[in-house]
PDB file of N, CA and C in Angstrom:
ATOM      1  N   UNK A   1       8.263   1.395  22.226  1.00  0.00           N
ATOM      2  CA  UNK A   1       9.265   1.941  21.362  1.00  0.00           C
ATOM      3  C   UNK A   1       9.146   1.724  19.973  1.00  0.00           C
ATOM      4  N   UNK A   2       9.011   3.140  19.328  1.00  0.00           N
ATOM      5  CA  UNK A   2       8.753   3.144  17.981  1.00  0.00           C
ATOM      6  C   UNK A   2      10.106   2.872  17.067  1.00  0.00           C
ATOM      7  N   UNK A   3      10.060   2.479  15.818  1.00  0.00           N
ATOM      8  CA  UNK A   3      11.076   2.330  14.962  1.00  0.00           C
ATOM      9  C   UNK A   3      11.442   3.655  14.350  1.00  0.00           C
ATOM     10  N   UNK A   4      12.701   3.896  14.172  1.00  0.00           N
ATOM     11  CA  UNK A   4      13.112   5.232  13.651  1.00  0.00           C
ATOM     12  C   UNK A   4      12.358   5.683  12.483  1.00  0.00           C
ATOM     13  N   UNK A   5      12.264   4.676  11.417  1.00  0.00           N
ATOM     14  CA  UNK A   5      11.527   4.869  10.311  1.00  0.00           C
ATOM     15  C   UNK A   5      10.061   5.381  10.370  1.00  0.00           C
ATOM     16  N   UNK A   6       9.367   5.085  11.475  1.00  0.00           N
ATOM     17  CA  UNK A   6       7.944   5.326  11.761  1.00  0.00           C
ATOM     18  C   UNK A   6       7.613   6.921  11.604  1.00  0.00           C
ATOM     19  N   UNK A   7       8.977   7.693  12.013  1.00  0.00           N
ATOM     20  CA  UNK A   7       8.754   9.054  12.069  1.00  0.00           C
ATOM     21  C   UNK A   7       8.875   9.945  10.774  1.00  0.00           C
ATOM     22  N   UNK A   8       9.467   9.006   9.784  1.00  0.00           N
ATOM     23  CA  UNK A   8       9.664   9.630   8.483  1.00  0.00           C
ATOM     24  C   UNK A   8       8.383   9.844   7.815  1.00  0.00           C
ATOM     25  N   UNK A   9       8.263  10.979   7.236  1.00  0.00           N
ATOM     26  CA  UNK A   9       7.017  11.532   6.300  1.00  0.00           C
ATOM     27  C   UNK A   9       6.810  10.400   5.172  1.00  0.00           C
ATOM     28  N   UNK A  10       7.962  10.085   4.727  1.00  0.00           N
ATOM     29  CA  UNK A  10       7.800   9.356   3.373  1.00  0.00           C
ATOM     30  C   UNK A  10       7.175   7.868   3.707  1.00  0.00           C
ATOM     31  N   UNK A  11       7.430   7.468   4.815  1.00  0.00           N
ATOM     32  CA  UNK A  11       7.023   6.161   5.433  1.00  0.00           C
ATOM     33  C   UNK A  11       5.412   6.353   5.712  1.00  0.00           C
ATOM     34  N   UNK A  12       5.121   7.418   6.337  1.00  0.00           N
ATOM     35  CA  UNK A  12       3.744   7.613   6.651  1.00  0.00           C
ATOM     36  C   UNK A  12       2.922   7.870   5.506  1.00  0.00           C
ATOM     37  N   UNK A  13       3.469   8.662   4.366  1.00  0.00           N
ATOM     38  CA  UNK A  13       2.798   8.676   3.069  1.00  0.00           C
ATOM     39  C   UNK A  13       2.745   7.401   2.271  1.00  0.00           C
ATOM     40  N   UNK A  14       3.536   6.432   2.500  1.00  0.00           N
ATOM     41  CA  UNK A  14       3.496   5.237   1.871  1.00  0.00           C
ATOM     42  C   UNK A  14       2.281   4.501   2.513  1.00  0.00           C
ATOM     43  N   UNK A  15       1.897   4.585   3.722  1.00  0.00           N
ATOM     44  CA  UNK A  15       0.808   3.977   4.351  1.00  0.00           C
ATOM     45  C   UNK A  15      -0.373   4.549   3.913  1.00  0.00           C
ATOM     46  N   UNK A  16      -0.494   5.865   3.714  1.00  0.00           N
ATOM     47  CA  UNK A  16      -1.522   6.512   3.197  1.00  0.00           C
ATOM     48  C   UNK A  16      -2.000   6.066   1.814  1.00  0.00           C
ATOM     49  N   UNK A  17      -0.941   5.821   1.032  1.00  0.00           N
ATOM     50  CA  UNK A  17      -0.958   5.309  -0.398  1.00  0.00           C
ATOM     51  C   UNK A  17      -1.691   3.968  -0.440  1.00  0.00           C
ATOM     52  N   UNK A  18      -1.165   3.135   0.753  1.00  0.00           N
ATOM     53  CA  UNK A  18      -1.709   1.799   0.794  1.00  0.00           C
ATOM     54  C   UNK A  18      -3.206   1.847   1.002  1.00  0.00           C
ATOM     55  N   UNK A  19      -3.691   2.537   1.849  1.00  0.00           N
ATOM     56  CA  UNK A  19      -4.944   2.984   2.219  1.00  0.00           C
ATOM     57  C   UNK A  19      -5.857   3.310   0.958  1.00  0.00           C
ATOM     58  N   UNK A  20      -5.392   4.378   0.346  1.00  0.00           N
ATOM     59  CA  UNK A  20      -5.993   4.835  -0.985  1.00  0.00           C
ATOM     60  C   UNK A  20      -6.043   3.553  -2.063  1.00  0.00           C
ATOM     61  N   UNK A  21      -4.908   2.828  -2.189  1.00  0.00           N
ATOM     62  CA  UNK A  21      -5.062   1.755  -3.256  1.00  0.00           C
ATOM     63  C   UNK A  21      -6.056   0.822  -2.892  1.00  0.00           C
ATOM     64  N   UNK A  22      -6.261   0.452  -1.455  1.00  0.00           N
ATOM     65  CA  UNK A  22      -7.231  -0.419  -1.013  1.00  0.00           C
ATOM     66  C   UNK A  22      -8.654   0.124  -1.385  1.00  0.00           C
ATOM     67  N   UNK A  23      -8.746   1.317  -1.178  1.00  0.00           N
ATOM     68  CA  UNK A  23     -10.132   1.862  -1.550  1.00  0.00           C
ATOM     69  C   UNK A  23     -10.456   1.893  -2.932  1.00  0.00           C
ATOM     70  N   UNK A  24      -9.452   2.297  -3.765  1.00  0.00           N
ATOM     71  CA  UNK A  24      -9.403   2.248  -5.239  1.00  0.00           C
ATOM     72  C   UNK A  24      -9.710   0.734  -5.740  1.00  0.00           C
ATOM     73  N   UNK A  25      -8.997  -0.231  -5.407  1.00  0.00           N
ATOM     74  CA  UNK A  25      -9.113  -1.661  -5.788  1.00  0.00           C
ATOM     75  C   UNK A  25     -10.543  -2.196  -5.694  1.00  0.00           C
ATOM     76  N   UNK A  26     -11.125  -1.773  -4.515  1.00  0.00           N
ATOM     77  CA  UNK A  26     -12.534  -2.165  -4.198  1.00  0.00           C
ATOM     78  C   UNK A  26     -13.596  -1.796  -5.428  1.00  0.00           C
ATOM     79  N   UNK A  27     -13.038  -0.784  -6.165  1.00  0.00           N
ATOM     80  CA  UNK A  27     -13.928  -0.509  -7.299  1.00  0.00           C
ATOM     81  C   UNK A  27     -13.633  -1.198  -8.475  1.00  0.00           C
ATOM     82  N   UNK A  28     -12.646  -2.022  -8.708  1.00  0.00           N
ATOM     83  CA  UNK A  28     -12.264  -2.732  -9.679  1.00  0.00           C
ATOM     84  C   UNK A  28     -13.497  -3.806 -10.013  1.00  0.00           C
ATOM     85  N   UNK A  29     -13.423  -4.118 -11.351  1.00  0.00           N
ATOM     86  CA  UNK A  29     -14.587  -5.107 -11.613  1.00  0.00           C
ATOM     87  C   UNK A  29     -14.065  -6.431 -10.957  1.00  0.00           C
ATOM     88  N   UNK A  30     -15.102  -7.353 -10.918  1.00  0.00           N
ATOM     89  CA  UNK A  30     -14.986  -8.608 -10.134  1.00  0.00           C
ATOM     90  C   UNK A  30     -13.802  -9.367 -10.923  1.00  0.00           C
ATOM     91  N   UNK A  31     -13.697  -9.343 -12.249  1.00  0.00           N
ATOM     92  CA  UNK A  31     -12.842 -10.356 -12.930  1.00  0.00           C
ATOM     93  C   UNK A  31     -11.377  -9.774 -12.734  1.00  0.00           C
ATOM     94  N   UNK A  32     -11.122  -8.677 -12.248  1.00  0.00           N
ATOM     95  CA  UNK A  32      -9.698  -8.188 -11.946  1.00  0.00           C
ATOM     96  C   UNK A  32      -9.291  -8.236 -10.553  1.00  0.00           C
ATOM     97  N   UNK A  33     -10.301  -8.629  -9.617  1.00  0.00           N
ATOM     98  CA  UNK A  33      -9.977  -8.669  -8.075  1.00  0.00           C
ATOM     99  C   UNK A  33      -8.993  -9.781  -7.691  1.00  0.00           C
ATOM    100  N   UNK A  34      -8.631 -10.557  -8.440  1.00  0.00           N
ATOM    101  CA  UNK A  34      -7.785 -11.590  -8.047  1.00  0.00           C
ATOM    102  C   UNK A  34      -6.438 -11.576  -8.633  1.00  0.00           C
ATOM    103  N   UNK A  35      -6.307 -10.895  -9.923  1.00  0.00           N
ATOM    104  CA  UNK A  35      -4.961 -10.872 -10.486  1.00  0.00           C
ATOM    105  C   UNK A  35      -4.553  -9.445 -10.486  1.00  0.00           C
ATOM    106  N   UNK A  36      -5.223  -8.348 -10.929  1.00  0.00           N
ATOM    107  CA  UNK A  36      -4.655  -7.063 -11.011  1.00  0.00           C
ATOM    108  C   UNK A  36      -4.598  -6.482  -9.566  1.00  0.00           C
ATOM    109  N   UNK A  37      -5.621  -6.544  -9.032  1.00  0.00           N
ATOM    110  CA  UNK A  37      -5.859  -5.964  -7.491  1.00  0.00           C
ATOM    111  C   UNK A  37      -4.756  -6.616  -6.710  1.00  0.00           C
ATOM    112  N   UNK A  38      -4.484  -7.850  -6.824  1.00  0.00           N
ATOM    113  CA  UNK A  38      -3.361  -8.456  -5.728  1.00  0.00           C
ATOM    114  C   UNK A  38      -2.170  -7.870  -6.294  1.00  0.00           C
ATOM    115  N   UNK A  39      -1.768  -7.668  -7.573  1.00  0.00           N
ATOM    116  CA  UNK A  39      -0.545  -7.110  -7.899  1.00  0.00           C
ATOM    117  C   UNK A  39      -0.354  -5.761  -7.428  1.00  0.00           C
ATOM    118  N   UNK A  40      -1.453  -4.801  -7.577  1.00  0.00           N
ATOM    119  CA  UNK A  40      -1.189  -3.459  -7.200  1.00  0.00           C
ATOM    120  C   UNK A  40      -1.211  -3.436  -5.691  1.00  0.00           C
ATOM    121  N   UNK A  41      -1.843  -4.234  -4.971  1.00  0.00           N
ATOM    122  CA  UNK A  41      -1.828  -4.049  -3.446  1.00  0.00           C
ATOM    123  C   UNK A  41      -0.358  -4.461  -3.064  1.00  0.00           C
ATOM    124  N   UNK A  42       0.161  -5.510  -3.520  1.00  0.00           N
ATOM    125  CA  UNK A  42       1.446  -5.954  -3.194  1.00  0.00           C
ATOM    126  C   UNK A  42       2.481  -4.841  -3.442  1.00  0.00           C
ATOM    127  N   UNK A  43       2.370  -4.333  -4.771  1.00  0.00           N
ATOM    128  CA  UNK A  43       3.346  -3.235  -4.997  1.00  0.00           C
ATOM    129  C   UNK A  43       3.247  -2.046  -3.965  1.00  0.00           C
ATOM    130  N   UNK A  44       2.005  -1.677  -3.776  1.00  0.00           N
ATOM    131  CA  UNK A  44       1.855  -0.479  -2.667  1.00  0.00           C
ATOM    132  C   UNK A  44       2.466  -0.833  -1.358  1.00  0.00           C
ATOM    133  N   UNK A  45       2.282  -2.051  -0.898  1.00  0.00           N
ATOM    134  CA  UNK A  45       2.884  -2.555   0.446  1.00  0.00           C
ATOM    135  C   UNK A  45       4.307  -2.643   0.401  1.00  0.00           C
ATOM    136  N   UNK A  46       4.854  -2.962  -0.838  1.00  0.00           N
ATOM    137  CA  UNK A  46       6.252  -3.132  -0.729  1.00  0.00           C
ATOM    138  C   UNK A  46       7.023  -1.784  -0.619  1.00  0.00           C
ATOM    139  N   UNK A  47       6.281  -0.614  -1.070  1.00  0.00           N
ATOM    140  CA  UNK A  47       6.830   0.723  -0.712  1.00  0.00           C
ATOM    141  C   UNK A  47       7.210   0.869   0.702  1.00  0.00           C
ATOM    142  N   UNK A  48       6.219   0.793   1.571  1.00  0.00           N
ATOM    143  CA  UNK A  48       6.537   0.950   3.057  1.00  0.00           C
ATOM    144  C   UNK A  48       7.517  -0.075   3.531  1.00  0.00           C
ATOM    145  N   UNK A  49       7.310  -1.147   3.122  1.00  0.00           N
ATOM    146  CA  UNK A  49       8.152  -2.342   3.510  1.00  0.00           C
ATOM    147  C   UNK A  49       9.481  -2.164   3.353  1.00  0.00           C
ATOM    148  N   UNK A  50      10.032  -1.489   2.188  1.00  0.00           N
ATOM    149  CA  UNK A  50      11.338  -1.238   1.864  1.00  0.00           C
ATOM    150  C   UNK A  50      12.014  -0.084   2.342  1.00  0.00           C
ATOM    151  N   UNK A  51      11.210   0.725   3.317  1.00  0.00           N
ATOM    152  CA  UNK A  51      11.741   1.764   3.961  1.00  0.00           C
ATOM    153  C   UNK A  51      12.124   1.378   5.368  1.00  0.00           C
ATOM    154  N   UNK A  52      13.337   1.442   5.678  1.00  0.00           N
ATOM    155  CA  UNK A  52      13.903   1.094   7.037  1.00  0.00           C
ATOM    156  C   UNK A  52      15.263   1.681   7.231  1.00  0.00           C
TER     157      UNK A  52
END
């Protein structure tokens, strides 16, 4: 049984954004991978997590 929000386009686009952010942050310099990368990934994840 799927949750109601899983059918929302905005939620699906939020997941797509998270995937794009993951790809993008892999191109960041090594010195940024533990601070800036972590912060950006958490921000992207929070979008889909706050839709319900």
